[in-house]
Protein backbone atom coordinates (compact mmCIF):
# COMPACT_ATOMS: atom_id res chain seq x y z
CA MET A 1 -11.41 -9.70 -9.64
CA LYS A 2 -10.63 -12.10 -6.87
CA ASN A 3 -12.51 -12.35 -3.58
CA SER A 4 -9.98 -13.28 -0.91
CA ASN A 5 -12.20 -13.15 2.19
CA GLN A 6 -10.19 -11.02 4.61
CA PRO A 7 -6.54 -12.21 4.43
CA THR A 8 -5.47 -9.13 2.45
CA VAL A 9 -6.99 -6.84 5.11
CA ARG A 10 -4.75 -8.40 7.74
CA GLU A 11 -1.90 -8.36 5.25
CA LEU A 12 -1.46 -4.58 5.44
CA GLN A 13 -1.17 -4.59 9.23
CA ALA A 14 1.23 -7.54 9.06
CA LEU A 15 3.30 -5.67 6.47
CA ARG A 16 3.52 -2.57 8.66
CA GLU A 17 4.53 -4.61 11.69
CA SER A 18 7.12 -6.57 9.72
CA ILE A 19 8.70 -3.42 8.27
CA ALA A 20 8.90 -1.91 11.76
CA GLU A 21 10.47 -5.08 13.16
CA LEU A 22 12.98 -5.35 10.31
CA ALA A 23 13.91 -1.66 10.62
CA ILE A 24 15.14 -2.09 14.20
CA LEU A 25 16.84 -5.47 13.78
CA GLN A 26 20.31 -5.28 15.27
CA GLU A 27 23.40 -6.17 13.27
CA SER A 28 25.35 -9.32 14.01
CA ASP A 29 28.46 -10.98 12.61
CA SER A 30 26.28 -13.00 10.22
CA PRO A 31 24.63 -11.60 7.07
CA VAL A 32 20.88 -11.37 6.58
CA LEU A 33 19.67 -12.91 3.32
CA SER A 34 16.80 -10.86 1.88
CA VAL A 35 14.96 -12.75 -0.86
CA PHE A 36 12.04 -11.40 -2.90
CA LEU A 37 10.35 -13.84 -5.28
CA ASP A 38 7.86 -13.22 -8.08
CA LEU A 39 5.73 -16.37 -7.82
CA CYS A 40 4.40 -15.83 -11.33
CA GLU A 41 7.74 -17.28 -12.46
CA PRO A 42 8.31 -21.09 -12.36
CA LYS A 43 9.76 -22.43 -9.12
CA ASP A 44 12.60 -24.21 -10.89
CA TYR A 45 13.60 -20.93 -12.53
CA LEU A 46 13.45 -19.06 -9.21
CA ARG A 47 15.53 -21.71 -7.47
CA ALA A 48 18.15 -21.74 -10.26
CA LYS A 49 18.35 -17.94 -10.19
CA PHE A 50 18.75 -17.96 -6.40
CA VAL A 51 21.47 -20.64 -6.50
CA ASN A 52 23.44 -18.76 -9.17
CA TRP A 53 23.23 -15.56 -7.12
CA ALA A 54 24.20 -17.35 -3.91
CA VAL A 55 27.34 -18.85 -5.47
CA ALA A 56 28.51 -15.41 -6.59
CA ALA A 57 27.46 -13.62 -3.38
CA ARG A 58 29.20 -16.15 -1.13
CA SER A 59 32.57 -15.38 -2.70
CA THR A 60 32.25 -11.72 -1.72
CA LEU A 61 31.88 -12.49 1.99
CA PRO A 62 34.65 -12.84 4.56
CA ALA A 63 35.48 -16.48 5.38
CA ALA A 64 34.04 -16.09 8.90
CA GLN A 65 30.57 -15.32 7.52
CA ARG A 66 30.31 -18.11 4.97
CA LYS A 67 29.11 -20.88 7.31
CA ALA A 68 26.11 -18.80 8.48
CA PHE A 69 25.47 -17.75 4.86
CA ASP A 70 25.42 -21.40 3.74
CA GLU A 71 22.96 -22.37 6.49
CA ALA A 72 20.61 -19.51 5.60
CA ARG A 73 20.93 -20.32 1.91
CA GLN A 74 19.95 -23.97 2.50
CA GLU A 75 16.87 -22.95 4.46
CA ILE A 76 15.74 -20.50 1.77
CA ASP A 77 16.43 -23.08 -0.92
CA ARG A 78 13.88 -25.36 0.75
CA MET A 79 11.37 -22.53 1.18
CA ILE A 80 11.39 -21.65 -2.51
CA LEU A 81 9.96 -25.06 -3.40
CA LYS A 82 7.19 -25.06 -0.78
CA ASP A 83 3.50 -24.57 -1.58
CA TRP A 84 2.51 -20.97 -0.89
CA PRO A 85 -1.05 -19.88 0.03
CA GLU A 86 -3.51 -19.80 -2.85
CA GLY A 87 -3.54 -16.41 -4.54
CA SER A 88 0.01 -15.51 -3.49
CA ARG A 89 1.84 -13.68 -6.27
CA SER A 90 5.06 -12.87 -4.45
CA VAL A 91 6.94 -13.67 -1.28
CA ALA A 92 9.59 -12.00 0.87
CA ILE A 93 11.97 -14.12 2.95
CA PHE A 94 14.49 -12.84 5.49
CA CYS A 95 16.85 -15.32 7.08
CA ARG A 96 19.93 -15.06 9.29
CA LYS A 97 21.80 -17.89 10.97
CA GLY A 98 24.68 -17.85 13.41
CA GLU A 99 24.64 -16.51 16.98
CA ALA A 100 21.60 -14.23 16.44
CA PRO A 101 19.26 -16.22 14.15
CA PHE A 102 16.30 -14.46 12.61
CA SER A 103 13.60 -15.52 10.16
CA ARG A 104 10.60 -13.78 8.63
CA ILE A 105 8.40 -14.95 5.74
CA MET A 106 5.61 -12.95 4.08
CA SER A 107 3.46 -13.70 1.05
CA PHE A 108 1.47 -11.12 -0.92
CA CYS A 109 -1.30 -11.04 -3.50
CA ALA A 110 0.68 -8.23 -5.18
CA THR A 111 3.75 -8.71 -7.35
CA LEU A 112 7.30 -8.03 -6.17
CA ASP A 113 10.25 -8.21 -8.52
CA THR A 114 12.61 -11.15 -7.92
CA HIS A 115 15.63 -9.78 -6.07
CA PHE A 116 18.30 -11.05 -3.65
CA ASP A 117 20.56 -9.31 -1.15
CA ALA A 118 23.04 -10.35 1.54
CA CYS A 119 23.97 -7.63 4.03
CA GLN A 120 24.34 -7.05 7.75
CA LEU A 121 20.82 -5.64 7.82
CA PRO A 122 17.65 -6.71 5.98
CA SER A 123 16.68 -5.01 2.73
CA ILE A 124 13.35 -3.31 3.48
CA PHE A 125 12.92 -0.81 0.63
CA PRO A 126 10.91 -3.25 -1.56
CA LEU A 127 8.44 -3.64 1.34
CA VAL A 128 8.28 0.12 1.94
CA GLN A 129 7.63 0.56 -1.79
CA LEU A 130 4.87 -2.06 -1.64
CA LYS A 131 3.26 -0.38 1.38
CA ASP A 132 3.41 2.98 -0.42
CA ARG A 133 1.32 1.57 -3.27
CA PHE A 134 -0.78 -0.76 -1.10
CA HIS A 135 -4.12 0.05 -2.75
CA ARG A 136 -6.85 -0.26 -0.14
CA PHE A 137 -10.17 1.55 -0.43
CA VAL A 138 -13.96 1.21 -0.40
CA VAL A 139 -16.16 0.94 -3.53
CA VAL A 140 -19.94 1.29 -3.45
CA ILE A 141 -21.92 0.12 -6.50
CA ALA A 142 -25.51 1.40 -6.29
CA THR A 143 -28.22 0.13 -8.64
CA ASP A 144 -32.02 0.06 -8.75
CA GLU A 145 -32.07 -3.33 -7.03
CA ASN A 146 -29.31 -3.16 -4.42
CA SER A 147 -26.11 -1.62 -3.17
CA ARG A 148 -22.90 -3.62 -3.01
CA ILE A 149 -20.15 -2.29 -0.78
CA PHE A 150 -16.65 -3.63 -1.41
CA GLU A 151 -13.40 -3.33 0.46
CA VAL A 152 -10.59 -3.61 -2.10
CA THR A 153 -6.97 -4.37 -1.18
CA LEU A 154 -4.26 -4.54 -3.86
CA GLY A 155 -6.95 -5.14 -6.47
CA ALA A 156 -8.49 -8.05 -4.56
CA VAL A 157 -11.92 -7.85 -2.94
CA SER A 158 -11.40 -8.57 0.73
CA GLU A 159 -14.97 -7.91 1.86
CA GLU A 160 -18.37 -7.47 0.23
CA ILE A 161 -21.56 -6.29 1.93
CA LEU A 162 -24.83 -6.55 0.03
CA THR A 163 -27.83 -4.38 0.94
CA LEU A 164 -31.13 -4.92 -0.88
CA ARG A 165 -33.45 -2.13 -1.88
CA PRO A 166 -37.04 -2.69 -0.55
CA GLU A 167 -39.60 -3.87 -3.13
CA LEU A 168 -42.47 -1.39 -3.41
CA GLY A 169 -43.71 -1.89 -6.99
CA GLU A 170 -46.23 -4.62 -6.17
CA ARG A 171 -48.08 -2.27 -3.82
CA LEU A 172 -48.74 0.37 -6.52
CA GLY A 173 -52.45 0.34 -7.40
CA ARG A 174 -53.25 -2.47 -4.93
CA GLU A 175 -52.66 -0.53 -1.70
CA TRP A 176 -51.34 2.90 -2.69
CA GLY A 177 -52.20 5.55 -5.23
CA ARG A 178 -49.43 6.91 -7.48
CA GLU A 179 -48.74 10.00 -5.35
CA HIS A 180 -48.68 7.94 -2.15
CA PHE A 181 -46.40 5.42 -3.86
CA HIS A 182 -43.87 8.07 -4.88
CA GLN A 183 -43.89 9.51 -1.36
CA LYS A 184 -43.25 6.06 0.10
CA LYS A 185 -40.53 5.44 -2.48
CA ARG A 186 -38.74 8.66 -1.55
CA GLU A 187 -38.91 7.69 2.12
CA SER A 188 -37.66 4.20 1.28
CA ASP A 189 -34.76 5.63 -0.75
CA ARG A 190 -33.75 7.95 2.09
CA HIS A 191 -33.89 5.07 4.58
CA PHE A 192 -31.88 2.86 2.22
CA GLN A 193 -29.27 5.58 1.74
CA ARG A 194 -28.98 6.03 5.52
CA ASP A 195 -28.35 2.31 5.89
CA GLN A 196 -25.60 2.45 3.25
CA VAL A 197 -23.99 5.49 4.87
CA THR A 198 -23.98 3.72 8.24
CA ILE A 199 -22.22 0.70 6.73
CA ILE A 200 -19.71 2.83 4.78
CA THR A 201 -18.89 5.02 7.79
CA SER A 202 -18.46 2.01 10.07
CA LEU A 203 -16.33 0.10 7.56
CA MET A 204 -14.03 3.05 6.86
CA ALA A 205 -13.63 3.86 10.55
CA LYS A 206 -12.84 0.27 11.56
CA ARG A 207 -10.40 -0.37 8.71
CA GLY A 208 -8.82 3.08 8.56
CA HIS A 209 -9.66 3.69 4.88
CA ASN A 210 -8.96 7.15 3.51
CA HIS A 211 -10.54 6.74 0.07
CA LEU A 212 -14.02 6.02 -1.28
CA ILE A 213 -15.30 5.53 -4.84
CA LEU A 214 -19.00 5.57 -5.78
CA ALA A 215 -20.25 3.73 -8.86
CA GLY A 216 -23.52 2.71 -10.47
CA ASN A 217 -26.69 4.44 -11.58
CA PRO A 218 -26.07 8.25 -11.75
CA ARG A 219 -29.24 9.03 -9.77
CA HIS A 220 -28.33 6.65 -6.96
CA VAL A 221 -24.70 7.81 -6.94
CA ALA A 222 -25.83 11.43 -6.59
CA GLY A 223 -28.30 10.56 -3.84
CA LEU A 224 -25.73 8.60 -1.91
CA ARG A 225 -23.12 11.36 -2.28
CA GLU A 226 -25.55 13.93 -0.87
CA SER A 227 -26.25 11.66 2.12
CA LEU A 228 -22.59 11.21 3.10
CA PRO A 229 -21.32 13.09 6.18
CA LYS A 230 -18.74 15.79 5.51
CA HIS A 231 -15.79 13.81 6.89
CA ILE A 232 -16.57 10.99 4.45
CA VAL A 233 -17.14 13.35 1.49
CA THR A 234 -13.54 14.55 1.91
CA ARG A 235 -12.43 10.96 1.23
CA LEU A 236 -14.51 10.60 -1.94
CA VAL A 237 -11.97 10.39 -4.77
CA GLY A 238 -14.02 9.22 -7.74
CA GLU A 239 -17.43 8.49 -9.26
CA LEU A 240 -18.11 5.94 -12.01
CA PHE A 241 -21.48 6.06 -13.76
CA LYS A 242 -21.48 2.41 -14.74
CA THR A 243 -23.64 -0.49 -13.57
CA PRO A 244 -22.75 -4.19 -13.43
CA SER A 245 -23.64 -6.38 -16.38
CA GLY A 246 -25.81 -9.30 -15.32
CA GLY A 247 -24.81 -8.87 -11.70
CA ASP A 248 -21.09 -9.18 -12.52
CA CYS A 249 -19.26 -6.33 -10.78
CA SER A 250 -15.76 -7.25 -11.98
CA VAL A 251 -15.58 -4.68 -14.82
CA VAL A 252 -16.78 -1.86 -12.55
CA LEU A 253 -14.32 -2.89 -9.84
CA GLU A 254 -11.44 -2.99 -12.32
CA GLU A 255 -12.28 0.56 -13.42
CA ALA A 256 -12.46 1.59 -9.76
CA VAL A 257 -8.97 0.18 -9.16
CA ALA A 258 -7.66 2.09 -12.19
CA THR A 259 -9.32 5.27 -10.93
CA PHE A 260 -7.80 4.83 -7.49
CA ILE A 261 -4.31 4.22 -8.90
CA ASP A 262 -4.60 7.50 -10.83
CA VAL A 263 -5.59 9.25 -7.59
CA GLU A 264 -2.61 7.73 -5.78
CA ARG A 265 -0.26 8.91 -8.51
CA THR A 266 -1.73 12.39 -8.31
CA GLU A 267 -1.23 12.43 -4.53
CA SER A 268 2.38 11.33 -5.02
CA ARG A 269 2.94 14.12 -7.55
CA ASN A 270 1.35 16.60 -5.14
CA THR A 271 3.77 15.55 -2.40
CA VAL A 272 6.71 16.08 -4.74
CA SER A 273 5.23 19.44 -5.82
CA ARG A 274 5.05 20.53 -2.17
CA LEU A 275 8.72 19.60 -1.83
CA HIS A 276 9.53 21.70 -4.92
CA GLU A 277 7.57 24.65 -3.58
CA GLN A 278 9.29 24.58 -0.20
CA VAL A 279 12.73 24.31 -1.82
CA ARG A 280 11.98 27.34 -4.04
CA ARG A 281 10.94 29.34 -0.98
CA ASP A 282 13.90 28.10 1.07
CA GLY A 283 11.17 26.89 3.39
CA LEU A 284 10.23 23.66 5.13
CA ALA A 285 12.24 21.23 3.02
CA VAL A 286 15.74 19.88 2.54
CA VAL A 287 17.16 17.79 -0.30
CA GLY A 288 20.15 15.50 -0.46
CA VAL A 289 21.16 12.33 1.37
CA ALA A 290 23.14 13.92 4.21
CA ARG A 291 20.67 16.76 4.89
CA SER A 292 17.75 14.32 4.85
CA ARG A 293 19.53 11.96 7.23
CA VAL A 294 20.25 14.79 9.69
CA ALA A 295 16.66 16.06 9.45
CA ILE A 296 15.29 12.62 10.29
CA MET A 297 17.73 12.01 13.13
CA GLY A 298 17.25 15.58 14.41
CA GLY A 299 13.50 15.05 14.73
CA TYR A 300 12.40 17.90 12.47
CA ALA A 301 11.58 15.85 9.35
CA ALA A 302 7.84 15.46 8.64
CA GLU A 303 7.96 13.16 5.59
CA LEU A 304 10.62 11.38 3.57
CA VAL A 305 10.35 11.73 -0.22
CA ILE A 306 12.62 9.18 -1.83
CA SER A 307 13.39 8.17 -5.37
CA GLU A 308 13.52 4.60 -6.63
CA GLU A 309 16.78 5.56 -8.36
CA LEU A 310 18.61 6.37 -5.10
CA PRO A 311 21.62 4.03 -4.55
CA SER A 312 20.62 1.00 -2.50
CA THR A 313 22.85 1.66 0.52
CA ASP A 314 21.55 5.20 1.08
CA ARG A 315 18.00 4.15 0.27
CA GLU A 316 17.98 1.38 2.86
CA ASP A 317 19.59 3.59 5.50
CA LEU A 318 17.08 6.41 5.08
CA VAL A 319 13.92 4.27 4.94
CA ARG A 320 15.16 2.40 8.02
CA LEU A 321 15.65 5.67 9.92
CA ALA A 322 12.26 7.02 8.77
CA THR A 323 10.44 3.78 9.62
CA ALA A 324 11.95 3.65 13.10
CA ARG A 325 10.58 7.18 13.68
CA GLU A 326 7.20 6.37 12.10
CA LEU A 327 7.56 9.02 9.39
CA PRO A 328 5.44 8.88 6.23
CA ILE A 329 7.46 7.77 3.20
CA GLU A 330 6.57 8.76 -0.36
CA VAL A 331 8.31 6.75 -3.09
CA CYS A 332 8.60 8.49 -6.46
CA GLU A 333 10.49 8.08 -9.71
CA GLY A 334 11.94 10.29 -12.42
CA ASP A 335 11.82 13.59 -10.51
CA GLU A 336 14.42 16.11 -11.74
CA LEU A 337 14.80 17.91 -8.41
CA LEU A 338 15.58 14.70 -6.56
CA SER A 339 17.76 13.38 -9.39
CA THR A 340 20.04 16.42 -9.14
CA HIS A 341 20.22 16.23 -5.33
CA GLY A 342 21.07 12.63 -4.65
CA GLY A 343 17.58 11.20 -5.07
CA VAL A 344 15.96 12.17 -1.77
CA GLY A 345 14.45 15.01 0.22
CA CYS A 346 12.40 15.69 3.33
CA LEU A 347 9.45 17.91 4.08
CA LEU A 348 10.03 19.45 7.51
CA ARG A 349 7.92 20.08 10.59
CA TYR A 350 10.02 23.16 11.29
CA ARG A 351 13.27 24.59 10.03
CA PRO A 352 16.18 24.92 12.47
CA THR A 353 17.67 28.39 12.74
CA ILE A 354 20.94 27.01 11.41
CA LEU A 355 21.05 23.78 9.42
CA PRO A 356 23.96 21.64 10.65
CA GLU A 357 27.03 22.30 8.53
CA GLU A 358 27.91 18.64 8.59
CA ALA A 359 24.78 17.96 6.55
CA ALA A 360 26.20 19.71 3.49
CA ASP A 361 26.33 17.29 0.54
């Protein structure tokens, strides 16, 4: 488990801002090269793969676009061989030359599949997909000695706060009788729990976390849970009754990440289930590419539910429209309802009296 000291916290905000900027980028006569690289693969392999793709892609473009394509290709070719920040596992590069030049580079501690695209607009679905699974939550590991509060982003620890439990044992018998000692210990535990709750509440409010996992000694986990305010309890998604071995929290954190991923998958399935329910009731949902597009553009879509299997052109168009309108986007895979209706649907804020006829698929 890697401690990355804050960059991954800023990474989520940078990702959101970049997606929003890319979604509203205006077309020009020159193509945008969208390049996604898995940095776990050797650089020479990535460069060779990019060059082979570029040779084939160039031949598909009109002659008037090839000069700008070549200039963008040369710039990306140089970028592939550069040294990326330590801990980077993937990178996204967007480059356009010509009369309206544009460039954007992002590196991530998460993995993206190597992929290339050349189109009039940037390919943003891989970034939307990454944001959808951008695992970011708080883990508290409570033991007899201390409490360690972690902020976890994409499996990397981006912040750790250590709070130490007061030492009372040496005062037993010397200053306090047993009953007095236990009373003081209960008071100390309550004070310690209040301190932890203050830190957790502040951290989640400042960072916008919606999920919390408690781990450690069962007694301390239970005590901490009971001390949490109601609005934080609603964000509690898991408890792990496991303590660190020799002060090493990595195993507990790895289990917390696995627990959180399961929760995320459940939430995704619940969103799809709500879509199914609304479709059965002929309620607040539409399915199909055209109906979803009209719902988004008409302002009555509440959330876009989109399949990974949707054809790229429609997928990019819909996520661009949804991003520009700041709609939530849920990415799913293998859903039968979506598969039989073009691979996409929308949950609605309200249902128009008459759905536009032109939206029929």
